N, C-alpha and C. Protein backbone atom coordinates (compact mmCIF):
# COMPACT_ATOMS: atom_id res chain seq x y z
N UNK A 1 53.21 169.77 87.44
CA UNK A 1 54.20 170.57 87.22
C UNK A 1 54.89 171.15 88.73
N UNK A 2 56.37 171.16 88.91
CA UNK A 2 55.94 171.32 89.72
C UNK A 2 55.81 172.76 90.23
N UNK A 3 56.20 173.12 92.24
CA UNK A 3 55.81 174.72 92.79
C UNK A 3 57.29 175.08 92.88
N UNK A 4 57.43 176.56 93.21
CA UNK A 4 57.91 177.39 93.74
C UNK A 4 58.03 176.98 94.78
N UNK A 5 59.48 177.07 96.06
CA UNK A 5 59.46 176.74 97.33
C UNK A 5 58.74 177.86 98.42
N UNK A 6 58.14 178.11 99.53
CA UNK A 6 57.82 178.20 100.08
C UNK A 6 58.93 179.01 101.60
N UNK A 7 58.31 180.11 101.93
CA UNK A 7 59.00 180.46 103.23
C UNK A 7 58.43 180.54 104.03
N UNK A 8 58.72 181.25 105.51
CA UNK A 8 57.85 181.00 106.62
C UNK A 8 57.38 182.21 106.67
N UNK A 9 55.87 182.08 107.29
CA UNK A 9 55.17 183.15 108.14
C UNK A 9 55.25 184.15 108.76
N UNK A 10 56.30 183.12 109.78
CA UNK A 10 56.44 183.66 111.36
C UNK A 10 57.82 183.63 111.18
N UNK A 11 58.73 183.36 112.85
CA UNK A 11 59.31 183.39 113.10
C UNK A 11 59.59 182.22 113.42
N UNK A 12 58.54 181.38 113.72
CA UNK A 12 58.65 180.08 113.89
C UNK A 12 58.39 178.76 113.20
N UNK A 13 57.78 178.56 112.31
CA UNK A 13 57.05 177.68 111.48
C UNK A 13 58.24 177.31 110.43
N UNK A 14 59.49 177.61 110.90
CA UNK A 14 59.97 177.11 109.31
C UNK A 14 60.77 175.37 109.42
N UNK A 15 59.83 174.45 110.02
CA UNK A 15 59.76 173.24 110.51
C UNK A 15 58.77 172.82 109.06
N UNK A 16 57.39 173.57 109.51
CA UNK A 16 56.80 172.67 109.03
C UNK A 16 56.81 172.58 106.94
N UNK A 17 57.50 174.73 107.31
CA UNK A 17 57.58 175.34 105.84
C UNK A 17 58.89 173.98 105.04
N UNK A 18 59.92 173.84 105.93
CA UNK A 18 60.88 172.79 105.42
C UNK A 18 60.00 171.95 105.04
N UNK A 19 59.14 170.70 105.43
CA UNK A 19 58.86 169.24 105.32
C UNK A 19 57.85 169.84 104.10
N UNK A 20 57.26 170.52 104.14
CA UNK A 20 56.42 170.95 102.92
C UNK A 20 57.27 171.20 101.76
N UNK A 21 58.10 171.80 101.62
CA UNK A 21 58.62 171.97 100.41
C UNK A 21 59.64 170.38 100.00
N UNK A 22 60.11 170.07 100.90
CA UNK A 22 60.61 168.81 100.43
C UNK A 22 59.23 168.63 99.72
N UNK A 23 58.43 168.26 99.73
CA UNK A 23 57.47 167.70 99.06
C UNK A 23 56.81 167.92 97.91
N UNK A 24 57.10 169.93 98.36
CA UNK A 24 56.67 170.07 97.33
C UNK A 24 58.33 170.33 95.78
N UNK A 25 59.50 170.33 96.36
CA UNK A 25 60.26 170.19 95.92
C UNK A 25 60.44 168.36 94.99
N UNK A 26 59.95 167.37 95.06
CA UNK A 26 59.92 165.93 95.31
C UNK A 26 58.56 165.84 93.90
N UNK A 27 57.75 165.67 94.53
CA UNK A 27 56.21 166.01 93.83
C UNK A 27 56.43 166.74 92.97
N UNK A 28 54.60 166.66 91.87
CA UNK A 28 54.57 167.35 91.40
C UNK A 28 52.96 167.58 91.76
N UNK A 29 52.89 169.03 91.19
CA UNK A 29 51.56 169.45 92.81
C UNK A 29 50.03 168.70 92.59
N UNK A 30 50.04 168.34 91.11
CA UNK A 30 48.74 167.27 91.27
C UNK A 30 48.85 165.95 92.02
N UNK A 31 50.20 165.21 91.89
CA UNK A 31 50.21 164.38 92.92
C UNK A 31 49.99 165.28 94.12
N UNK A 32 49.90 165.74 94.90
CA UNK A 32 50.48 166.00 96.39
C UNK A 32 48.84 165.66 97.07
N UNK A 33 48.69 164.86 98.01
CA UNK A 33 47.27 164.80 98.60
C UNK A 33 47.98 166.21 99.59
N UNK A 34 46.12 166.62 99.63
CA UNK A 34 45.87 167.16 101.07
C UNK A 34 45.62 167.02 102.27
N UNK A 35 46.08 165.90 102.54
CA UNK A 35 46.13 165.14 103.82
C UNK A 35 47.84 165.56 103.64
N UNK A 36 48.17 165.34 102.98
CA UNK A 36 49.84 165.16 104.01
C UNK A 36 49.73 166.85 104.42
N UNK A 37 49.80 168.23 103.59
CA UNK A 37 50.20 169.55 104.03
C UNK A 37 48.64 169.50 105.47
N UNK A 38 48.06 169.28 105.17
CA UNK A 38 47.25 169.33 106.76
C UNK A 38 48.00 168.37 107.75
N UNK A 39 49.04 167.22 107.82
CA UNK A 39 49.33 166.64 108.93
C UNK A 39 50.55 167.57 109.13
N UNK A 40 50.78 167.38 108.34
CA UNK A 40 52.55 168.11 108.50
C UNK A 40 52.02 169.70 109.04
N UNK A 41 51.51 170.60 109.03
CA UNK A 41 51.29 171.53 110.18
C UNK A 41 50.26 171.00 110.94
N UNK A 42 49.69 170.19 111.15
CA UNK A 42 48.93 169.39 112.45
C UNK A 42 50.47 169.44 113.66
N UNK A 43 51.24 168.67 113.04
CA UNK A 43 52.19 167.58 114.41
C UNK A 43 53.17 168.91 114.53
N UNK A 44 53.60 169.72 114.09
CA UNK A 44 54.51 170.68 113.57
C UNK A 44 54.21 171.88 114.70
N UNK A 45 54.61 172.99 115.05
CA UNK A 45 54.57 173.74 116.15
C UNK A 45 54.47 173.44 117.10
N UNK A 46 55.02 172.16 117.78
CA UNK A 46 54.08 171.57 119.40
C UNK A 46 55.54 171.35 120.05
N UNK A 47 56.10 172.96 120.29
CA UNK A 47 57.16 173.05 120.86
C UNK A 47 57.13 174.35 121.62
N UNK A 48 56.90 174.10 123.41
CA UNK A 48 57.30 175.47 124.69
C UNK A 48 57.69 176.09 125.09
N UNK A 49 58.33 177.54 124.46
CA UNK A 49 58.70 178.87 125.03
C UNK A 49 59.04 178.53 126.46
N UNK A 50 59.84 179.69 126.74
CA UNK A 50 60.21 180.13 128.86
C UNK A 50 58.54 179.47 129.16
N UNK A 51 57.82 181.18 128.59
CA UNK A 51 56.50 180.97 129.06
C UNK A 51 54.76 180.72 129.17
N UNK A 52 55.28 179.25 128.17
CA UNK A 52 54.14 178.55 128.57
C UNK A 52 53.81 178.41 127.04
N UNK A 53 54.01 179.20 126.03
CA UNK A 53 53.58 179.58 124.91
C UNK A 53 53.30 178.16 123.85
N UNK A 54 53.06 177.81 122.96
CA UNK A 54 52.76 176.78 122.53
C UNK A 54 53.31 177.08 120.76
N UNK A 55 53.82 176.39 119.96
CA UNK A 55 54.28 176.85 118.99
C UNK A 55 55.86 177.90 118.81
N UNK A 56 55.93 178.64 119.75
CA UNK A 56 57.09 179.98 119.66
C UNK A 56 58.50 179.11 119.84
N UNK A 57 58.57 177.63 120.75
CA UNK A 57 60.17 177.14 120.08
C UNK A 57 60.07 176.28 118.99
N UNK A 58 58.95 176.48 118.06
CA UNK A 58 59.10 175.87 116.96
C UNK A 58 58.33 174.68 117.08
N UNK A 59 59.52 173.59 116.01
CA UNK A 59 58.91 172.39 116.36
C UNK A 59 60.53 171.65 116.62
N UNK A 60 59.54 170.23 117.70
CA UNK A 60 60.27 169.55 118.09
C UNK A 60 60.91 168.24 116.82
N UNK A 61 62.16 167.92 117.63
CA UNK A 61 62.50 166.19 117.08
C UNK A 61 61.68 165.15 116.68
N UNK A 62 61.18 165.07 117.91
CA UNK A 62 59.90 164.22 118.45
C UNK A 62 59.33 164.52 117.61
N UNK A 63 58.50 165.43 116.51
CA UNK A 63 57.55 165.69 115.93
C UNK A 63 58.08 165.27 113.99
N UNK A 64 58.88 165.89 114.38
CA UNK A 64 59.58 165.15 113.27
C UNK A 64 59.77 163.80 112.53
N UNK A 65 60.05 163.27 114.43
CA UNK A 65 60.10 161.69 113.79
C UNK A 65 58.81 161.08 113.74
N UNK A 66 57.91 161.78 114.36
CA UNK A 66 56.45 160.38 114.05
C UNK A 66 56.21 161.43 112.62
N UNK A 67 56.54 162.44 112.40
CA UNK A 67 56.21 162.49 110.85
C UNK A 67 56.88 161.60 109.39
N UNK A 68 58.18 161.28 110.19
CA UNK A 68 58.92 160.03 109.53
C UNK A 68 57.43 159.13 109.29
N UNK A 69 57.71 158.18 110.15
CA UNK A 69 56.69 157.09 110.54
C UNK A 69 55.11 157.54 109.83
N UNK A 70 55.05 159.21 109.97
CA UNK A 70 53.46 158.90 109.77
C UNK A 70 53.92 159.14 107.90
N UNK A 71 54.10 159.70 107.38
CA UNK A 71 54.45 159.72 105.79
C UNK A 71 54.62 158.28 105.26
N UNK A 72 55.58 157.99 106.13
CA UNK A 72 56.06 156.37 105.41
C UNK A 72 54.27 155.46 105.41
N UNK A 73 53.54 155.32 106.63
CA UNK A 73 53.09 154.86 106.76
C UNK A 73 51.43 155.38 105.51
N UNK A 74 51.42 156.55 105.60
CA UNK A 74 50.31 156.97 104.74
C UNK A 74 51.16 156.61 103.56
N UNK A 75 51.75 156.78 102.87
CA UNK A 75 52.92 156.11 101.47
C UNK A 75 51.95 154.14 101.38
N UNK A 76 52.63 154.15 102.09
CA UNK A 76 52.33 152.64 101.63
C UNK A 76 50.09 152.32 101.97
N UNK A 77 49.80 153.54 102.57
CA UNK A 77 48.04 153.16 102.92
C UNK A 77 47.33 153.32 101.39
N UNK A 78 48.15 154.42 100.61
CA UNK A 78 47.75 155.15 99.53
C UNK A 78 48.40 154.89 98.84
N UNK A 79 49.50 153.70 98.37
CA UNK A 79 49.87 153.66 97.60
C UNK A 79 51.05 154.58 97.04
N UNK A 80 51.46 156.10 97.76
CA UNK A 80 51.83 156.79 97.53
C UNK A 80 53.53 156.97 97.37
N UNK A 81 54.80 157.56 96.38
CA UNK A 81 55.79 156.54 96.05
C UNK A 81 56.66 157.45 96.76
N UNK A 82 56.45 157.80 98.59
CA UNK A 82 57.57 158.50 99.73
C UNK A 82 57.84 157.65 100.68
N UNK A 83 59.52 157.86 100.72
CA UNK A 83 60.27 157.24 101.78
C UNK A 83 60.83 158.16 102.38
N UNK A 84 60.65 158.34 103.96
CA UNK A 84 61.79 159.01 104.74
C UNK A 84 62.86 158.15 105.96
N UNK A 85 63.30 158.82 105.95
CA UNK A 85 64.06 158.72 107.34
C UNK A 85 65.09 159.33 107.99
N UNK A 86 64.37 159.10 109.26
CA UNK A 86 64.64 160.19 110.23
C UNK A 86 65.90 159.90 111.07
N UNK A 87 67.19 160.80 110.88
CA UNK A 87 68.29 160.59 111.87
C UNK A 87 68.96 161.63 112.54
N UNK A 88 69.26 160.74 113.57
CA UNK A 88 70.01 162.37 114.97
C UNK A 88 71.41 161.75 115.08
N UNK A 89 71.40 162.57 116.04
CA UNK A 89 73.26 162.70 116.52
C UNK A 89 74.38 162.42 115.58
N UNK A 90 75.40 161.16 115.76
CA UNK A 90 76.32 161.14 115.22
C UNK A 90 75.74 160.88 113.95
N UNK A 91 74.48 160.37 113.48
CA UNK A 91 74.77 159.47 112.16
C UNK A 91 74.12 161.05 111.05
N UNK A 92 73.97 162.60 111.96
CA UNK A 92 73.58 163.42 110.67
C UNK A 92 74.82 164.34 110.74
N UNK A 93 75.76 163.66 109.64
CA UNK A 93 76.99 164.38 109.07
C UNK A 93 77.79 164.47 107.41
N UNK A 94 77.80 165.07 107.39
CA UNK A 94 78.36 165.36 105.24
C UNK A 94 79.79 165.15 105.04
N UNK A 95 79.51 163.61 104.26
CA UNK A 95 80.83 163.32 103.73
C UNK A 95 80.48 161.95 102.86
N UNK A 96 81.43 161.66 101.89
CA UNK A 96 81.00 161.43 100.93
C UNK A 96 80.28 159.80 101.07
N UNK A 97 80.07 159.16 102.46
CA UNK A 97 79.80 157.86 102.93
C UNK A 97 78.44 158.25 103.84
N UNK A 98 78.31 159.50 103.48
CA UNK A 98 77.07 159.27 104.82
C UNK A 98 75.97 159.52 104.15
N UNK A 99 74.94 158.69 104.62
CA UNK A 99 72.94 158.64 104.46
C UNK A 99 73.44 159.85 103.80
N UNK A 100 72.75 160.90 104.36
CA UNK A 100 72.57 162.42 103.73
C UNK A 100 73.42 162.66 102.19
N UNK A 101 74.81 162.06 101.81
CA UNK A 101 75.05 162.28 101.00
C UNK A 101 74.39 162.04 99.80
N UNK A 102 74.61 160.28 100.76
CA UNK A 102 73.63 159.90 99.44
C UNK A 102 72.64 159.80 98.84
N UNK A 103 71.58 160.04 100.15
CA UNK A 103 70.44 160.50 99.64
C UNK A 103 69.69 161.27 98.49
N UNK A 104 70.81 162.88 98.40
CA UNK A 104 71.12 163.56 97.50
C UNK A 104 71.81 163.10 96.37
N UNK A 105 72.49 162.32 96.22
CA UNK A 105 72.41 161.44 95.39
C UNK A 105 71.82 160.82 94.58
N UNK A 106 70.92 160.33 94.75
CA UNK A 106 70.13 159.71 94.74
C UNK A 106 68.33 160.71 93.87
N UNK A 107 69.09 162.06 94.45
CA UNK A 107 67.70 162.47 93.89
C UNK A 107 66.21 162.82 95.03
N UNK A 108 67.02 162.80 96.40
CA UNK A 108 66.11 162.62 97.27
C UNK A 108 66.15 164.50 98.00
N UNK A 109 65.54 164.68 99.51
CA UNK A 109 65.77 165.54 99.75
C UNK A 109 65.85 166.12 101.09
N UNK A 110 66.22 166.24 102.02
CA UNK A 110 66.62 166.34 103.62
C UNK A 110 66.54 167.00 103.96
N UNK A 111 65.42 167.18 104.70
CA UNK A 111 65.39 168.81 106.02
C UNK A 111 66.24 168.43 107.02
N UNK A 112 67.10 169.59 107.13
CA UNK A 112 68.27 170.18 108.19
C UNK A 112 67.96 170.73 108.63
N UNK A 113 68.62 170.48 110.85
CA UNK A 113 67.99 171.65 111.35
C UNK A 113 69.90 171.42 112.18
N UNK A 114 69.64 172.90 111.64
CA UNK A 114 71.27 173.94 111.54
C UNK A 114 70.68 174.94 112.73
N UNK A 115 71.84 176.05 112.72
CA UNK A 115 72.07 177.38 113.62
C UNK A 115 71.73 178.49 112.96
N UNK A 116 70.94 179.09 112.87
CA UNK A 116 71.24 180.56 112.28
C UNK A 116 70.08 181.63 113.79
N UNK A 117 71.12 182.02 114.28
CA UNK A 117 71.21 182.81 115.26
C UNK A 117 70.32 181.65 116.78
N UNK A 118 69.40 180.27 116.43
CA UNK A 118 68.56 180.32 117.28
C UNK A 118 68.74 178.42 116.23
N UNK A 119 68.09 177.78 116.63
CA UNK A 119 67.96 176.00 116.53
C UNK A 119 67.17 176.19 114.32
N UNK A 120 67.57 175.86 113.54
CA UNK A 120 66.30 176.51 112.56
C UNK A 120 66.62 174.98 111.18
N UNK A 121 65.31 175.16 110.88
CA UNK A 121 64.53 174.09 109.90
C UNK A 121 65.54 174.56 108.36
N UNK A 122 65.86 174.22 107.43
CA UNK A 122 66.30 174.40 105.95
C UNK A 122 65.77 172.83 105.23
N UNK A 123 65.99 173.09 103.63
CA UNK A 123 65.89 171.96 103.16
C UNK A 123 66.75 171.87 101.82
N UNK A 124 67.85 170.52 102.37
CA UNK A 124 68.82 170.20 101.09
C UNK A 124 68.67 170.00 100.11
N UNK A 125 68.88 170.16 98.64
CA UNK A 125 68.42 169.81 97.75
C UNK A 125 69.70 169.01 96.36
N UNK A 126 70.66 169.30 97.05
CA UNK A 126 71.39 168.93 95.98
C UNK A 126 73.26 169.21 96.59
N UNK A 127 74.22 168.67 95.10
CA UNK A 127 75.76 168.54 95.48
C UNK A 127 76.17 169.88 94.87
N UNK A 128 77.05 170.50 94.87
CA UNK A 128 78.36 170.90 93.85
C UNK A 128 79.36 171.22 94.08
N UNK A 129 80.07 169.45 94.13
CA UNK A 129 81.98 169.67 94.52
C UNK A 129 81.97 169.78 96.29
N UNK A 130 82.10 170.71 96.83
CA UNK A 130 82.25 170.02 97.92
C UNK A 130 81.64 171.21 99.04
N UNK A 131 80.46 171.50 97.87
CA UNK A 131 79.36 172.71 98.35
C UNK A 131 77.38 171.79 98.27
N UNK A 132 76.61 172.49 98.72
CA UNK A 132 75.67 171.43 99.15
C UNK A 132 74.00 173.19 98.73
N UNK A 133 73.29 173.08 97.60
CA UNK A 133 72.23 173.12 97.83
C UNK A 133 71.79 172.97 99.17
N UNK A 134 70.48 174.08 99.43
CA UNK A 134 69.84 174.30 100.18
C UNK A 134 68.97 175.51 99.87
N UNK A 135 67.59 175.26 100.16
CA UNK A 135 66.82 176.47 100.82
C UNK A 135 66.55 176.36 102.16
N UNK A 136 66.84 177.77 102.37
CA UNK A 136 66.51 178.14 103.64
C UNK A 136 64.92 178.80 103.37
N UNK A 137 64.35 178.59 104.14
CA UNK A 137 62.98 179.26 104.22
C UNK A 137 62.66 180.75 104.84
N UNK A 138 64.15 180.98 105.67
CA UNK A 138 64.17 182.02 106.63
C UNK A 138 64.46 183.59 105.24
N UNK A 139 63.22 183.85 104.93
CA UNK A 139 63.17 184.60 103.43
C UNK A 139 64.04 186.36 104.14
N UNK A 140 65.22 186.53 103.48
CA UNK A 140 65.93 187.27 103.22
C UNK A 140 66.32 188.47 102.32
N UNK A 141 66.75 189.93 101.91
CA UNK A 141 66.63 191.18 100.90
C UNK A 141 68.23 190.86 101.13
N UNK A 142 69.13 190.64 99.82
CA UNK A 142 70.87 190.57 99.88
C UNK A 142 71.08 192.30 100.07
N UNK A 143 69.85 193.59 99.40
CA UNK A 143 70.36 194.92 99.48
C UNK A 143 69.44 195.78 100.82
N UNK A 144 68.71 194.32 101.91
CA UNK A 144 68.80 195.50 103.02
C UNK A 144 69.75 196.02 104.03
N UNK A 145 69.66 197.20 103.82
CA UNK A 145 70.69 197.59 105.05
C UNK A 145 70.65 196.78 106.66
N UNK A 146 69.71 196.02 107.11
CA UNK A 146 70.29 195.90 108.60
C UNK A 146 70.18 194.09 107.94
N UNK A 147 70.21 193.27 107.09
CA UNK A 147 70.93 192.16 106.63
C UNK A 147 72.28 191.85 107.58
N UNK A 148 72.40 190.78 108.74
CA UNK A 148 73.27 190.09 108.98
C UNK A 148 74.64 190.36 108.24
N UNK A 149 76.05 190.65 108.56
CA UNK A 149 77.28 190.49 108.38
C UNK A 149 76.89 189.13 108.31
N UNK A 150 76.97 187.65 109.10
CA UNK A 150 77.35 186.65 109.05
C UNK A 150 77.01 185.86 107.62
N UNK A 151 75.95 186.87 106.83
CA UNK A 151 75.43 185.65 106.22
C UNK A 151 76.96 186.27 105.41
N UNK A 152 77.49 186.36 105.49
CA UNK A 152 78.66 187.23 104.55
C UNK A 152 80.34 186.05 104.25
N UNK A 153 79.58 185.37 105.36
CA UNK A 153 81.24 184.60 106.16
C UNK A 153 81.72 183.25 105.20
N UNK A 154 82.43 183.37 105.06
CA UNK A 154 83.12 182.40 104.39
C UNK A 154 82.49 180.60 103.85
N UNK A 155 81.77 179.96 102.68
CA UNK A 155 81.34 178.86 103.00
C UNK A 155 79.30 179.55 102.74
N UNK A 156 79.16 180.68 102.15
CA UNK A 156 78.05 181.21 102.15
C UNK A 156 77.97 181.48 101.32
N UNK A 157 77.36 181.81 100.39
CA UNK A 157 77.04 182.21 98.66
C UNK A 157 75.11 182.62 98.88
N UNK A 158 74.52 183.05 98.55
CA UNK A 158 73.56 183.47 97.87
C UNK A 158 72.99 183.09 96.67
N UNK A 159 72.04 182.26 96.56
CA UNK A 159 71.34 181.09 94.44
C UNK A 159 69.71 182.72 94.55
N UNK A 160 70.00 183.37 93.29
CA UNK A 160 68.71 184.15 93.42
C UNK A 160 67.60 183.31 92.05
N UNK A 161 68.14 182.56 91.31
CA UNK A 161 67.64 182.62 90.19
C UNK A 161 66.48 180.71 90.27
N UNK A 162 67.59 179.98 91.17
CA UNK A 162 66.49 179.26 91.44
C UNK A 162 65.11 178.75 92.45
N UNK A 163 64.50 179.17 91.95
CA UNK A 163 62.74 179.59 93.34
C UNK A 163 62.77 177.94 93.22
N UNK A 164 62.74 177.00 92.51
CA UNK A 164 62.12 175.34 92.94
C UNK A 164 62.80 174.73 93.41
N UNK A 165 64.22 175.11 93.91
CA UNK A 165 65.48 174.66 93.95
C UNK A 165 66.65 174.91 95.05
N UNK A 166 66.98 175.84 95.00
CA UNK A 166 67.60 176.43 95.72
C UNK A 166 67.52 178.15 96.30
N UNK A 167 68.01 178.54 97.48
CA UNK A 167 69.13 179.95 97.30
C UNK A 167 70.41 180.13 98.61
N UNK A 168 70.00 179.28 98.41
CA UNK A 168 72.40 179.53 98.80
C UNK A 168 72.87 177.82 98.46
N UNK A 169 74.85 178.21 98.77
CA UNK A 169 75.13 176.89 98.72
C UNK A 169 76.28 177.36 99.72
N UNK A 170 76.32 176.20 100.32
CA UNK A 170 77.20 175.99 101.89
C UNK A 170 77.92 175.11 101.71
N UNK A 171 79.14 175.39 101.90
CA UNK A 171 80.22 174.26 102.02
C UNK A 171 80.12 173.48 103.49
N UNK A 172 80.46 172.19 103.05
CA UNK A 172 79.57 171.33 103.82
C UNK A 172 80.86 171.64 104.76
N UNK A 173 81.94 171.52 104.94
CA UNK A 173 82.81 172.60 105.55
C UNK A 173 81.97 172.78 106.65
N UNK A 174 81.76 174.25 106.50
CA UNK A 174 80.91 175.12 107.60
C UNK A 174 79.65 174.26 107.95
N UNK A 175 78.35 173.50 106.97
CA UNK A 175 77.47 172.76 108.23
C UNK A 175 78.19 171.70 109.07
N UNK A 176 79.91 170.76 108.44
CA UNK A 176 80.07 170.03 110.12
C UNK A 176 80.47 170.58 110.99
N UNK A 177 80.73 171.85 110.67
CA UNK A 177 81.04 172.50 111.83
C UNK A 177 80.11 171.84 113.02
N UNK A 178 80.75 172.01 114.57
CA UNK A 178 79.82 171.62 115.99
C UNK A 178 79.92 172.88 117.01
N UNK A 179 80.35 174.17 115.73
CA UNK A 179 79.93 175.18 116.19
C UNK A 179 78.12 175.73 116.31
N UNK A 180 77.73 177.20 117.14
CA UNK A 180 76.74 177.28 117.04
C UNK A 180 76.33 179.07 115.98
N UNK A 181 77.32 179.14 114.13
CA UNK A 181 77.17 180.04 113.86
C UNK A 181 76.14 179.80 112.72
N UNK A 182 75.47 180.50 111.99
CA UNK A 182 75.12 180.82 110.48
C UNK A 182 75.55 179.75 110.00
N UNK A 183 74.25 178.50 109.96
CA UNK A 183 74.36 177.39 108.90
C UNK A 183 74.89 176.00 109.08
N UNK A 184 75.92 175.91 110.69
CA UNK A 184 76.04 175.51 110.88
C UNK A 184 75.46 174.34 111.86
N UNK A 185 75.52 172.79 111.73
CA UNK A 185 74.72 171.58 112.75
C UNK A 185 75.37 171.87 114.09
N UNK A 186 76.32 171.98 114.63
CA UNK A 186 76.61 172.28 115.63
C UNK A 186 76.89 170.86 116.18
N UNK A 187 76.57 170.78 118.25
CA UNK A 187 76.79 169.96 118.78
C UNK A 187 75.92 168.05 118.36
N UNK A 188 76.65 167.63 118.17
CA UNK A 188 76.39 165.95 117.36
C UNK A 188 74.97 165.60 118.36
N UNK A 189 74.75 165.84 119.57
CA UNK A 189 73.42 165.97 120.61
C UNK A 189 72.18 166.11 120.35
N UNK A 190 72.33 168.22 119.44
CA UNK A 190 71.43 168.67 118.52
C UNK A 190 71.15 168.06 117.51
N UNK A 191 72.01 167.78 116.39
CA UNK A 191 71.77 166.91 115.26
C UNK A 191 70.10 166.27 114.80
N UNK A 192 70.11 167.06 113.92
CA UNK A 192 68.70 165.94 113.39
C UNK A 192 68.42 165.73 111.31
N UNK A 193 68.48 165.03 111.02
CA UNK A 193 67.50 165.02 109.11
C UNK A 193 66.32 163.90 108.89
N UNK A 194 66.04 164.84 108.30
CA UNK A 194 64.68 163.64 107.91
C UNK A 194 64.87 163.98 106.34
N UNK A 195 65.29 162.46 105.85
CA UNK A 195 65.39 162.26 104.53
C UNK A 195 64.61 162.04 103.71
N UNK A 196 63.41 162.08 103.05
CA UNK A 196 62.35 162.43 101.99
C UNK A 196 62.81 162.05 100.42
N UNK A 197 62.20 160.23 100.37
CA UNK A 197 62.44 160.59 98.44
C UNK A 197 60.97 160.53 98.03
N UNK A 198 60.85 160.33 96.41
CA UNK A 198 59.90 160.04 95.29
C UNK A 198 60.88 158.64 94.83
N UNK A 199 60.07 158.38 95.40
CA UNK A 199 60.51 156.41 95.15
C UNK A 199 59.89 156.14 92.95
N UNK A 200 59.58 157.06 92.41
CA UNK A 200 59.57 157.19 91.14
C UNK A 200 60.56 157.46 90.90
N UNK A 201 61.23 158.68 91.36
CA UNK A 201 62.17 159.50 90.86
C UNK A 201 63.61 159.02 91.58
N UNK A 202 64.12 158.46 91.91
CA UNK A 202 64.85 157.85 93.10
C UNK A 202 65.30 156.80 91.74
N UNK A 203 66.90 157.75 92.89
CA UNK A 203 68.17 157.05 91.33
C UNK A 203 68.37 155.96 92.77
N UNK A 204 69.38 155.30 91.69
CA UNK A 204 69.83 153.23 92.35
C UNK A 204 70.94 153.76 92.25
N UNK A 205 71.42 152.91 93.17
CA UNK A 205 73.51 153.56 93.87
C UNK A 205 74.30 153.34 92.02
N UNK A 206 73.65 152.51 91.39
CA UNK A 206 74.30 152.13 90.03
C UNK A 206 74.25 153.32 89.09
N UNK A 207 72.86 154.25 89.34
CA UNK A 207 72.54 155.07 88.57
C UNK A 207 73.66 156.43 89.16
N UNK A 208 73.56 157.26 90.66
CA UNK A 208 74.11 158.14 91.16
C UNK A 208 75.17 158.64 90.40
N UNK A 209 75.35 159.84 90.46
CA UNK A 209 76.21 161.06 90.29
C UNK A 209 76.66 161.22 90.85
N UNK A 210 78.27 161.02 90.99
CA UNK A 210 79.12 160.85 91.84
C UNK A 210 80.09 162.77 92.15
N UNK A 211 79.47 163.81 93.16
CA UNK A 211 80.12 164.76 92.65
C UNK A 211 81.51 165.20 93.38
N UNK A 212 82.04 164.01 93.69
CA UNK A 212 82.82 164.32 94.64
C UNK A 212 84.69 164.03 93.34
N UNK A 213 83.99 164.53 92.86
CA UNK A 213 85.62 164.63 91.73
C UNK A 213 86.25 165.82 91.84
């Protein structure tokens, strides 16, 4: 059985929650090794803030890159059908021929760093036309009186009925922006993404669906 996706427990743990959500989205609960959850939490939350407090600057790109390699090696050692690829810089963009869109078309999931006031990790899970389905682990309520007005900007839509897949639908144009507004990936030098596949459910190029119609 597939799990519903999780929300973060603090202001800082979007990284490990987004990566754990990738595992929850791609694999049945009965398939998931406890080691995977343990080591995601162990290696994330590694960044220090200006006061020298560990974890209060979230998770670094180095930690995500390390976990990409660790998960690949774990898969080989345990015969667990996971495959990961870490992307950074100009390789992190959304277009018909990009690695990220290709991964989504093949049934993969993508942990993506973007901005939500500050650097923030979310999980991409699918495509609809020129929009991307994503699960944002930062919990918000639509009827909350203090909900930030920027959530209602063009290119952002809330989803409330797909707890195992997505809670936002965001335009690719918005995600590709070089700024630091909500759900914009920002300058290329800070961009990063971690592609994750379940090799048993991964579609081949011949069977992928062309969402750009």
